[in-house]
Amino acid sequence: MKFKIFVHPFRPKVQKEKIQEILRSLDFKISESDPDIALIIGGDGTFSYYGRKLTIPMLFIGVPNNEILGSKSRLAEIHLQDLPKALRRIAKGNYASC
């Protein structure tokens, strides 16, 4: 299974390198050209943007921010701290596509 990482182009909530580390630690492949799943990291605005642009399966990974104007990542399917566990479940085929 190959993943491509998407973050906000100007204000990423987390650096791509951190997500790449997580993927590599779990022996997952990263593919810029032929991914099976898109990992969208950020908040609701980032989810909405990439949700309209991409045609591959997506996993919305929230990075909540408790500041008044910060992201609440209400549309997140999981949060960043749960990413390793979620990726293990996906690798086992334990997921549903919508």
PDB file of N, CA and C in Angstrom:
ATOM      1  N   MET A   1       0.850  -1.171   0.000  1.00  0.00           N
ATOM      2  CA  MET A   1       0.000   0.000   0.000  1.00  0.00           C
ATOM      3  C   MET A   1       0.897   1.237   0.000  1.00  0.00           C
ATOM      4  N   LYS A   2       0.565   2.178  -0.890  1.00  0.00           N
ATOM      5  CA  LYS A   2       1.367   3.386  -1.039  1.00  0.00           C
ATOM      6  C   LYS A   2       0.533   4.611  -0.660  1.00  0.00           C
ATOM      7  N   PHE A   3       1.174   5.522   0.049  1.00  0.00           N
ATOM      8  CA  PHE A   3       0.504   6.716   0.535  1.00  0.00           C
ATOM      9  C   PHE A   3       1.133   7.970  -0.054  1.00  0.00           C
ATOM     10  N   LYS A   4       0.305   8.998  -0.218  1.00  0.00           N
ATOM     11  CA  LYS A   4       0.801  10.327  -0.550  1.00  0.00           C
ATOM     12  C   LYS A   4       0.293  11.275   0.527  1.00  0.00           C
ATOM     13  N   ILE A   5       1.153  12.164   0.963  1.00  0.00           N
ATOM     14  CA  ILE A   5       0.851  13.071   2.069  1.00  0.00           C
ATOM     15  C   ILE A   5       0.484  14.442   1.514  1.00  0.00           C
ATOM     16  N   PHE A   6      -0.632  14.984   2.003  1.00  0.00           N
ATOM     17  CA  PHE A   6      -1.079  16.315   1.609  1.00  0.00           C
ATOM     18  C   PHE A   6      -1.255  17.164   2.867  1.00  0.00           C
ATOM     19  N   VAL A   7      -0.685  18.349   2.847  1.00  0.00           N
ATOM     20  CA  VAL A   7      -0.836  19.320   3.932  1.00  0.00           C
ATOM     21  C   VAL A   7      -1.161  20.669   3.297  1.00  0.00           C
ATOM     22  N   HIS A   8      -1.554  21.620   4.117  1.00  0.00           N
ATOM     23  CA  HIS A   8      -1.808  22.968   3.611  1.00  0.00           C
ATOM     24  C   HIS A   8      -0.508  23.485   2.983  1.00  0.00           C
ATOM     25  N   PRO A   9      -0.571  24.029   1.753  1.00  0.00           N
ATOM     26  CA  PRO A   9       0.662  24.414   1.068  1.00  0.00           C
ATOM     27  C   PRO A   9       1.430  25.571   1.720  1.00  0.00           C
ATOM     28  N   PHE A  10       0.756  26.433   2.472  1.00  0.00           N
ATOM     29  CA  PHE A  10       1.427  27.595   3.058  1.00  0.00           C
ATOM     30  C   PHE A  10       1.493  27.550   4.583  1.00  0.00           C
ATOM     31  N   ARG A  11       0.523  26.911   5.209  1.00  0.00           N
ATOM     32  CA  ARG A  11       0.459  26.862   6.671  1.00  0.00           C
ATOM     33  C   ARG A  11       0.213  25.433   7.154  1.00  0.00           C
ATOM     34  N   PRO A  12       1.165  24.539   6.918  1.00  0.00           N
ATOM     35  CA  PRO A  12       0.934  23.156   7.372  1.00  0.00           C
ATOM     36  C   PRO A  12       0.858  23.083   8.899  1.00  0.00           C
ATOM     37  N   LYS A  13      -0.059  22.292   9.396  1.00  0.00           N
ATOM     38  CA  LYS A  13      -0.204  22.107  10.844  1.00  0.00           C
ATOM     39  C   LYS A  13       0.891  21.198  11.389  1.00  0.00           C
ATOM     40  N   VAL A  14       1.455  20.384  10.505  1.00  0.00           N
ATOM     41  CA  VAL A  14       2.559  19.490  10.858  1.00  0.00           C
ATOM     42  C   VAL A  14       3.392  19.309   9.588  1.00  0.00           C
ATOM     43  N   GLN A  15       4.672  19.160   9.746  1.00  0.00           N
ATOM     44  CA  GLN A  15       5.551  19.001   8.593  1.00  0.00           C
ATOM     45  C   GLN A  15       5.396  17.612   7.975  1.00  0.00           C
ATOM     46  N   LYS A  16       5.494  17.549   6.651  1.00  0.00           N
ATOM     47  CA  LYS A  16       5.388  16.272   5.942  1.00  0.00           C
ATOM     48  C   LYS A  16       6.416  15.259   6.461  1.00  0.00           C
ATOM     49  N   GLU A  17       7.577  15.740   6.840  1.00  0.00           N
ATOM     50  CA  GLU A  17       8.644  14.848   7.301  1.00  0.00           C
ATOM     51  C   GLU A  17       8.215  14.037   8.527  1.00  0.00           C
ATOM     52  N   LYS A  18       7.420  14.631   9.390  1.00  0.00           N
ATOM     53  CA  LYS A  18       6.941  13.908  10.568  1.00  0.00           C
ATOM     54  C   LYS A  18       6.035  12.740  10.150  1.00  0.00           C
ATOM     55  N   ILE A  19       5.176  12.978   9.192  1.00  0.00           N
ATOM     56  CA  ILE A  19       4.287  11.922   8.699  1.00  0.00           C
ATOM     57  C   ILE A  19       5.097  10.861   7.959  1.00  0.00           C
ATOM     58  N   GLN A  20       6.086  11.294   7.190  1.00  0.00           N
ATOM     59  CA  GLN A  20       6.953  10.347   6.490  1.00  0.00           C
ATOM     60  C   GLN A  20       7.668   9.429   7.486  1.00  0.00           C
ATOM     61  N   GLU A  21       8.120   9.984   8.601  1.00  0.00           N
ATOM     62  CA  GLU A  21       8.760   9.173   9.647  1.00  0.00           C
ATOM     63  C   GLU A  21       7.818   8.092  10.165  1.00  0.00           C
ATOM     64  N   ILE A  22       6.571   8.484  10.420  1.00  0.00           N
ATOM     65  CA  ILE A  22       5.578   7.519  10.921  1.00  0.00           C
ATOM     66  C   ILE A  22       5.370   6.409   9.896  1.00  0.00           C
ATOM     67  N   LEU A  23       5.201   6.786   8.626  1.00  0.00           N
ATOM     68  CA  LEU A  23       4.979   5.791   7.577  1.00  0.00           C
ATOM     69  C   LEU A  23       6.168   4.843   7.457  1.00  0.00           C
ATOM     70  N   ARG A  24       7.360   5.396   7.455  1.00  0.00           N
ATOM     71  CA  ARG A  24       8.561   4.555   7.322  1.00  0.00           C
ATOM     72  C   ARG A  24       8.744   3.638   8.525  1.00  0.00           C
ATOM     73  N   SER A  25       8.406   4.123   9.719  1.00  0.00           N
ATOM     74  CA  SER A  25       8.560   3.292  10.918  1.00  0.00           C
ATOM     75  C   SER A  25       7.631   2.082  10.885  1.00  0.00           C
ATOM     76  N   LEU A  26       6.550   2.185  10.108  1.00  0.00           N
ATOM     77  CA  LEU A  26       5.595   1.083   9.973  1.00  0.00           C
ATOM     78  C   LEU A  26       5.793   0.313   8.669  1.00  0.00           C
ATOM     79  N   ASP A  27       6.882   0.602   7.955  1.00  0.00           N
ATOM     80  CA  ASP A  27       7.227  -0.058   6.686  1.00  0.00           C
ATOM     81  C   ASP A  27       6.209   0.183   5.577  1.00  0.00           C
ATOM     82  N   PHE A  28       5.606   1.371   5.551  1.00  0.00           N
ATOM     83  CA  PHE A  28       4.716   1.744   4.462  1.00  0.00           C
ATOM     84  C   PHE A  28       5.498   2.525   3.429  1.00  0.00           C
ATOM     85  N   LYS A  29       5.029   2.477   2.204  1.00  0.00           N
ATOM     86  CA  LYS A  29       5.682   3.173   1.104  1.00  0.00           C
ATOM     87  C   LYS A  29       5.023   4.532   0.881  1.00  0.00           C
ATOM     88  N   ILE A  30       5.826   5.481   0.440  1.00  0.00           N
ATOM     89  CA  ILE A  30       5.355   6.811   0.085  1.00  0.00           C
ATOM     90  C   ILE A  30       5.500   6.948  -1.422  1.00  0.00           C
ATOM     91  N   SER A  31       4.443   7.392  -2.078  1.00  0.00           N
ATOM     92  CA  SER A  31       4.475   7.528  -3.534  1.00  0.00           C
ATOM     93  C   SER A  31       3.911   8.884  -3.930  1.00  0.00           C
ATOM     94  N   GLU A  32       4.696   9.650  -4.629  1.00  0.00           N
ATOM     95  CA  GLU A  32       4.238  10.947  -5.119  1.00  0.00           C
ATOM     96  C   GLU A  32       3.436  10.807  -6.413  1.00  0.00           C
ATOM     97  N   SER A  33       3.649   9.712  -7.155  1.00  0.00           N
ATOM     98  CA  SER A  33       3.028   9.611  -8.471  1.00  0.00           C
ATOM     99  C   SER A  33       1.903   8.589  -8.588  1.00  0.00           C
ATOM    100  N   ASP A  34       1.915   7.548  -7.744  1.00  0.00           N
ATOM    101  CA  ASP A  34       0.924   6.480  -7.894  1.00  0.00           C
ATOM    102  C   ASP A  34       0.431   5.971  -6.533  1.00  0.00           C
ATOM    103  N   PRO A  35      -0.135   6.856  -5.697  1.00  0.00           N
ATOM    104  CA  PRO A  35      -0.557   6.419  -4.364  1.00  0.00           C
ATOM    105  C   PRO A  35      -1.874   5.650  -4.396  1.00  0.00           C
ATOM    106  N   ASP A  36      -2.051   4.806  -3.385  1.00  0.00           N
ATOM    107  CA  ASP A  36      -3.318   4.106  -3.197  1.00  0.00           C
ATOM    108  C   ASP A  36      -4.259   4.924  -2.320  1.00  0.00           C
ATOM    109  N   ILE A  37      -3.682   5.636  -1.355  1.00  0.00           N
ATOM    110  CA  ILE A  37      -4.462   6.413  -0.388  1.00  0.00           C
ATOM    111  C   ILE A  37      -3.785   7.758  -0.153  1.00  0.00           C
ATOM    112  N   ALA A  38      -4.587   8.811  -0.058  1.00  0.00           N
ATOM    113  CA  ALA A  38      -4.089  10.144   0.284  1.00  0.00           C
ATOM    114  C   ALA A  38      -4.275  10.371   1.779  1.00  0.00           C
ATOM    115  N   LEU A  39      -3.223  10.809   2.436  1.00  0.00           N
ATOM    116  CA  LEU A  39      -3.310  11.212   3.840  1.00  0.00           C
ATOM    117  C   LEU A  39      -3.397  12.732   3.852  1.00  0.00           C
ATOM    118  N   ILE A  40      -4.546  13.262   4.261  1.00  0.00           N
ATOM    119  CA  ILE A  40      -4.773  14.704   4.302  1.00  0.00           C
ATOM    120  C   ILE A  40      -4.622  15.136   5.756  1.00  0.00           C
ATOM    121  N   ILE A  41      -3.598  15.945   6.038  1.00  0.00           N
ATOM    122  CA  ILE A  41      -3.305  16.331   7.411  1.00  0.00           C
ATOM    123  C   ILE A  41      -3.606  17.809   7.589  1.00  0.00           C
ATOM    124  N   GLY A  42      -4.408  18.139   8.594  1.00  0.00           N
ATOM    125  CA  GLY A  42      -4.688  19.545   8.859  1.00  0.00           C
ATOM    126  C   GLY A  42      -6.002  19.746   9.558  1.00  0.00           C
ATOM    127  N   GLY A  43      -6.729  20.728   9.048  1.00  0.00           N
ATOM    128  CA  GLY A  43      -8.028  21.072   9.606  1.00  0.00           C
ATOM    129  C   GLY A  43      -9.096  21.027   8.536  1.00  0.00           C
ATOM    130  N   ASP A  44     -10.274  21.494   8.879  1.00  0.00           N
ATOM    131  CA  ASP A  44     -11.422  21.382   7.984  1.00  0.00           C
ATOM    132  C   ASP A  44     -11.213  22.059   6.629  1.00  0.00           C
ATOM    133  N   GLY A  45     -10.537  23.189   6.599  1.00  0.00           N
ATOM    134  CA  GLY A  45     -10.293  23.879   5.329  1.00  0.00           C
ATOM    135  C   GLY A  45      -9.419  23.055   4.399  1.00  0.00           C
ATOM    136  N   THR A  46      -8.384  22.460   4.954  1.00  0.00           N
ATOM    137  CA  THR A  46      -7.495  21.609   4.159  1.00  0.00           C
ATOM    138  C   THR A  46      -8.244  20.382   3.671  1.00  0.00           C
ATOM    139  N   PHE A  47      -9.064  19.793   4.535  1.00  0.00           N
ATOM    140  CA  PHE A  47      -9.860  18.625   4.143  1.00  0.00           C
ATOM    141  C   PHE A  47     -10.792  18.986   2.989  1.00  0.00           C
ATOM    142  N   SER A  48     -11.463  20.118   3.119  1.00  0.00           N
ATOM    143  CA  SER A  48     -12.416  20.551   2.092  1.00  0.00           C
ATOM    144  C   SER A  48     -11.709  20.789   0.762  1.00  0.00           C
ATOM    145  N   TYR A  49     -10.571  21.444   0.798  1.00  0.00           N
ATOM    146  CA  TYR A  49      -9.836  21.741  -0.432  1.00  0.00           C
ATOM    147  C   TYR A  49      -9.433  20.463  -1.166  1.00  0.00           C
ATOM    148  N   TYR A  50      -8.730  19.575  -0.470  1.00  0.00           N
ATOM    149  CA  TYR A  50      -8.262  18.356  -1.129  1.00  0.00           C
ATOM    150  C   TYR A  50      -9.403  17.385  -1.423  1.00  0.00           C
ATOM    151  N   GLY A  51     -10.444  17.417  -0.619  1.00  0.00           N
ATOM    152  CA  GLY A  51     -11.605  16.568  -0.873  1.00  0.00           C
ATOM    153  C   GLY A  51     -12.260  16.858  -2.216  1.00  0.00           C
ATOM    154  N   ARG A  52     -12.175  18.105  -2.651  1.00  0.00           N
ATOM    155  CA  ARG A  52     -12.730  18.483  -3.952  1.00  0.00           C
ATOM    156  C   ARG A  52     -11.760  18.193  -5.099  1.00  0.00           C
ATOM    157  N   LYS A  53     -10.476  18.137  -4.810  1.00  0.00           N
ATOM    158  CA  LYS A  53      -9.454  18.021  -5.861  1.00  0.00           C
ATOM    159  C   LYS A  53      -9.048  16.585  -6.188  1.00  0.00           C
ATOM    160  N   LEU A  54      -9.064  15.715  -5.208  1.00  0.00           N
ATOM    161  CA  LEU A  54      -8.510  14.374  -5.397  1.00  0.00           C
ATOM    162  C   LEU A  54      -9.579  13.356  -5.754  1.00  0.00           C
ATOM    163  N   THR A  55      -9.154  12.316  -6.461  1.00  0.00           N
ATOM    164  CA  THR A  55     -10.084  11.263  -6.860  1.00  0.00           C
ATOM    165  C   THR A  55      -9.682   9.904  -6.292  1.00  0.00           C
ATOM    166  N   ILE A  56      -8.698   9.874  -5.401  1.00  0.00           N
ATOM    167  CA  ILE A  56      -8.291   8.618  -4.761  1.00  0.00           C
ATOM    168  C   ILE A  56      -8.855   8.580  -3.350  1.00  0.00           C
ATOM    169  N   PRO A  57      -8.898   7.416  -2.721  1.00  0.00           N
ATOM    170  CA  PRO A  57      -9.363   7.347  -1.335  1.00  0.00           C
ATOM    171  C   PRO A  57      -8.531   8.253  -0.427  1.00  0.00           C
ATOM    172  N   MET A  58      -9.203   8.890   0.529  1.00  0.00           N
ATOM    173  CA  MET A  58      -8.550   9.852   1.424  1.00  0.00           C
ATOM    174  C   MET A  58      -8.820   9.508   2.877  1.00  0.00           C
ATOM    175  N   LEU A  59      -7.821   9.779   3.710  1.00  0.00           N
ATOM    176  CA  LEU A  59      -7.971   9.670   5.152  1.00  0.00           C
ATOM    177  C   LEU A  59      -7.689  11.041   5.728  1.00  0.00           C
ATOM    178  N   PHE A  60      -8.698  11.639   6.385  1.00  0.00           N
ATOM    179  CA  PHE A  60      -8.548  12.975   6.970  1.00  0.00           C
ATOM    180  C   PHE A  60      -7.982  12.834   8.380  1.00  0.00           C
ATOM    181  N   ILE A  61      -6.807  13.427   8.588  1.00  0.00           N
ATOM    182  CA  ILE A  61      -6.099  13.333   9.859  1.00  0.00           C
ATOM    183  C   ILE A  61      -6.072  14.716  10.492  1.00  0.00           C
ATOM    184  N   GLY A  62      -6.758  14.856  11.604  1.00  0.00           N
ATOM    185  CA  GLY A  62      -6.883  16.147  12.253  1.00  0.00           C
ATOM    186  C   GLY A  62      -5.709  16.485  13.146  1.00  0.00           C
ATOM    187  N   VAL A  63      -5.401  17.777  13.135  1.00  0.00           N
ATOM    188  CA  VAL A  63      -4.398  18.333  14.035  1.00  0.00           C
ATOM    189  C   VAL A  63      -5.113  19.467  14.763  1.00  0.00           C
ATOM    190  N   PRO A  64      -5.790  19.148  15.865  1.00  0.00           N
ATOM    191  CA  PRO A  64      -6.596  20.168  16.536  1.00  0.00           C
ATOM    192  C   PRO A  64      -5.744  21.291  17.122  1.00  0.00           C
ATOM    193  N   ASN A  65      -6.363  22.459  17.195  1.00  0.00           N
ATOM    194  CA  ASN A  65      -5.727  23.646  17.746  1.00  0.00           C
ATOM    195  C   ASN A  65      -6.768  24.314  18.624  1.00  0.00           C
ATOM    196  N   ASN A  66      -6.458  24.522  19.881  1.00  0.00           N
ATOM    197  CA  ASN A  66      -7.437  25.054  20.832  1.00  0.00           C
ATOM    198  C   ASN A  66      -7.548  26.575  20.836  1.00  0.00           C
ATOM    199  N   GLU A  67      -6.761  27.255  20.002  1.00  0.00           N
ATOM    200  CA  GLU A  67      -6.876  28.705  19.934  1.00  0.00           C
ATOM    201  C   GLU A  67      -8.235  29.094  19.355  1.00  0.00           C
ATOM    202  N   ILE A  68      -8.687  30.292  19.653  1.00  0.00           N
ATOM    203  CA  ILE A  68     -10.016  30.731  19.234  1.00  0.00           C
ATOM    204  C   ILE A  68     -10.196  30.609  17.726  1.00  0.00           C
ATOM    205  N   LEU A  69      -9.238  31.047  16.949  1.00  0.00           N
ATOM    206  CA  LEU A  69      -9.351  30.989  15.494  1.00  0.00           C
ATOM    207  C   LEU A  69      -8.660  29.766  14.907  1.00  0.00           C
ATOM    208  N   GLY A  70      -8.186  28.882  15.740  1.00  0.00           N
ATOM    209  CA  GLY A  70      -7.477  27.697  15.269  1.00  0.00           C
ATOM    210  C   GLY A  70      -8.418  26.630  14.759  1.00  0.00           C
ATOM    211  N   SER A  71      -7.831  25.647  14.099  1.00  0.00           N
ATOM    212  CA  SER A  71      -8.607  24.550  13.532  1.00  0.00           C
ATOM    213  C   SER A  71      -9.232  23.696  14.618  1.00  0.00           C
ATOM    214  N   LYS A  72     -10.419  23.284  14.383  1.00  0.00           N
ATOM    215  CA  LYS A  72     -11.083  22.339  15.279  1.00  0.00           C
ATOM    216  C   LYS A  72     -11.073  20.947  14.673  1.00  0.00           C
ATOM    217  N   SER A  73     -10.730  20.858  13.409  1.00  0.00           N
ATOM    218  CA  SER A  73     -10.673  19.602  12.639  1.00  0.00           C
ATOM    219  C   SER A  73     -11.880  18.705  12.924  1.00  0.00           C
ATOM    220  N   ARG A  74     -13.041  19.293  12.808  1.00  0.00           N
ATOM    221  CA  ARG A  74     -14.289  18.558  13.073  1.00  0.00           C
ATOM    222  C   ARG A  74     -14.550  17.449  12.061  1.00  0.00           C
ATOM    223  N   LEU A  75     -14.019  17.590  10.858  1.00  0.00           N
ATOM    224  CA  LEU A  75     -14.255  16.597   9.813  1.00  0.00           C
ATOM    225  C   LEU A  75     -13.238  15.456   9.839  1.00  0.00           C
ATOM    226  N   ALA A  76     -12.309  15.504  10.777  1.00  0.00           N
ATOM    227  CA  ALA A  76     -11.249  14.486  10.838  1.00  0.00           C
ATOM    228  C   ALA A  76     -11.833  13.108  11.121  1.00  0.00           C
ATOM    229  N   GLU A  77     -11.276  12.124  10.436  1.00  0.00           N
ATOM    230  CA  GLU A  77     -11.647  10.737  10.689  1.00  0.00           C
ATOM    231  C   GLU A  77     -10.827  10.182  11.848  1.00  0.00           C
ATOM    232  N   ILE A  78      -9.605  10.668  11.977  1.00  0.00           N
ATOM    233  CA  ILE A  78      -8.740  10.326  13.112  1.00  0.00           C
ATOM    234  C   ILE A  78      -7.906  11.556  13.447  1.00  0.00           C
ATOM    235  N   HIS A  79      -7.232  11.512  14.564  1.00  0.00           N
ATOM    236  CA  HIS A  79      -6.308  12.582  14.941  1.00  0.00           C
ATOM    237  C   HIS A  79      -4.884  12.070  14.867  1.00  0.00           C
ATOM    238  N   LEU A  80      -3.969  12.997  14.738  1.00  0.00           N
ATOM    239  CA  LEU A  80      -2.573  12.665  14.475  1.00  0.00           C
ATOM    240  C   LEU A  80      -2.014  11.635  15.447  1.00  0.00           C
ATOM    241  N   GLN A  81      -2.331  11.752  16.719  1.00  0.00           N
ATOM    242  CA  GLN A  81      -1.787  10.812  17.708  1.00  0.00           C
ATOM    243  C   GLN A  81      -2.274   9.377  17.474  1.00  0.00           C
ATOM    244  N   ASP A  82      -3.366   9.214  16.728  1.00  0.00           N
ATOM    245  CA  ASP A  82      -3.912   7.883  16.452  1.00  0.00           C
ATOM    246  C   ASP A  82      -3.492   7.336  15.085  1.00  0.00           C
ATOM    247  N   LEU A  83      -2.658   8.072  14.360  1.00  0.00           N
ATOM    248  CA  LEU A  83      -2.298   7.664  13.003  1.00  0.00           C
ATOM    249  C   LEU A  83      -1.623   6.294  12.934  1.00  0.00           C
ATOM    250  N   PRO A  84      -0.619   5.985  13.748  1.00  0.00           N
ATOM    251  CA  PRO A  84      -0.002   4.651  13.635  1.00  0.00           C
ATOM    252  C   PRO A  84      -1.007   3.506  13.797  1.00  0.00           C
ATOM    253  N   LYS A  85      -1.888   3.624  14.777  1.00  0.00           N
ATOM    254  CA  LYS A  85      -2.901   2.586  15.011  1.00  0.00           C
ATOM    255  C   LYS A  85      -3.838   2.466  13.811  1.00  0.00           C
ATOM    256  N   ALA A  86      -4.254   3.598  13.251  1.00  0.00           N
ATOM    257  CA  ALA A  86      -5.155   3.581  12.096  1.00  0.00           C
ATOM    258  C   ALA A  86      -4.476   2.968  10.872  1.00  0.00           C
ATOM    259  N   LEU A  87      -3.212   3.270  10.669  1.00  0.00           N
ATOM    260  CA  LEU A  87      -2.489   2.712   9.520  1.00  0.00           C
ATOM    261  C   LEU A  87      -2.338   1.199   9.652  1.00  0.00           C
ATOM    262  N   ARG A  88      -2.115   0.719  10.863  1.00  0.00           N
ATOM    263  CA  ARG A  88      -2.031  -0.736  11.069  1.00  0.00           C
ATOM    264  C   ARG A  88      -3.362  -1.403  10.726  1.00  0.00           C
ATOM    265  N   ARG A  89      -4.465  -0.762  11.117  1.00  0.00           N
ATOM    266  CA  ARG A  89      -5.791  -1.314  10.805  1.00  0.00           C
ATOM    267  C   ARG A  89      -6.039  -1.319   9.297  1.00  0.00           C
ATOM    268  N   ILE A  90      -5.643  -0.258   8.617  1.00  0.00           N
ATOM    269  CA  ILE A  90      -5.812  -0.178   7.168  1.00  0.00           C
ATOM    270  C   ILE A  90      -5.005  -1.285   6.497  1.00  0.00           C
ATOM    271  N   ALA A  91      -3.780  -1.496   6.954  1.00  0.00           N
ATOM    272  CA  ALA A  91      -2.920  -2.529   6.368  1.00  0.00           C
ATOM    273  C   ALA A  91      -3.538  -3.918   6.506  1.00  0.00           C
ATOM    274  N   LYS A  92      -4.300  -4.126   7.564  1.00  0.00           N
ATOM    275  CA  LYS A  92      -4.970  -5.412   7.782  1.00  0.00           C
ATOM    276  C   LYS A  92      -6.286  -5.513   7.003  1.00  0.00           C
ATOM    277  N   GLY A  93      -6.657  -4.445   6.297  1.00  0.00           N
ATOM    278  CA  GLY A  93      -7.900  -4.447   5.541  1.00  0.00           C
ATOM    279  C   GLY A  93      -9.104  -4.086   6.382  1.00  0.00           C
ATOM    280  N   ASN A  94      -8.872  -3.550   7.563  1.00  0.00           N
ATOM    281  CA  ASN A  94      -9.941  -3.199   8.482  1.00  0.00           C
ATOM    282  C   ASN A  94     -10.345  -1.731   8.281  1.00  0.00           C
ATOM    283  N   TYR A  95     -11.090  -1.480   7.217  1.00  0.00           N
ATOM    284  CA  TYR A  95     -11.564  -0.138   6.909  1.00  0.00           C
ATOM    285  C   TYR A  95     -12.785  -0.234   6.001  1.00  0.00           C
ATOM    286  N   ALA A  96     -13.485   0.862   5.872  1.00  0.00           N
ATOM    287  CA  ALA A  96     -14.637   0.929   4.965  1.00  0.00           C
ATOM    288  C   ALA A  96     -14.465   2.119   4.062  1.00  0.00           C
ATOM    289  N   SER A  97     -14.744   1.948   2.796  1.00  0.00           N
ATOM    290  CA  SER A  97     -14.675   3.100   1.883  1.00  0.00           C
ATOM    291  C   SER A  97     -16.081   3.663   1.723  1.00  0.00           C
ATOM    292  N   CYS A  98     -16.147   4.964   1.617  1.00  0.00           N
ATOM    293  CA  CYS A  98     -17.433   5.641   1.499  1.00  0.00           C
ATOM    294  C   CYS A  98     -17.576   6.273   0.143  1.00  0.00           C
TER     295      CYS A  98
END
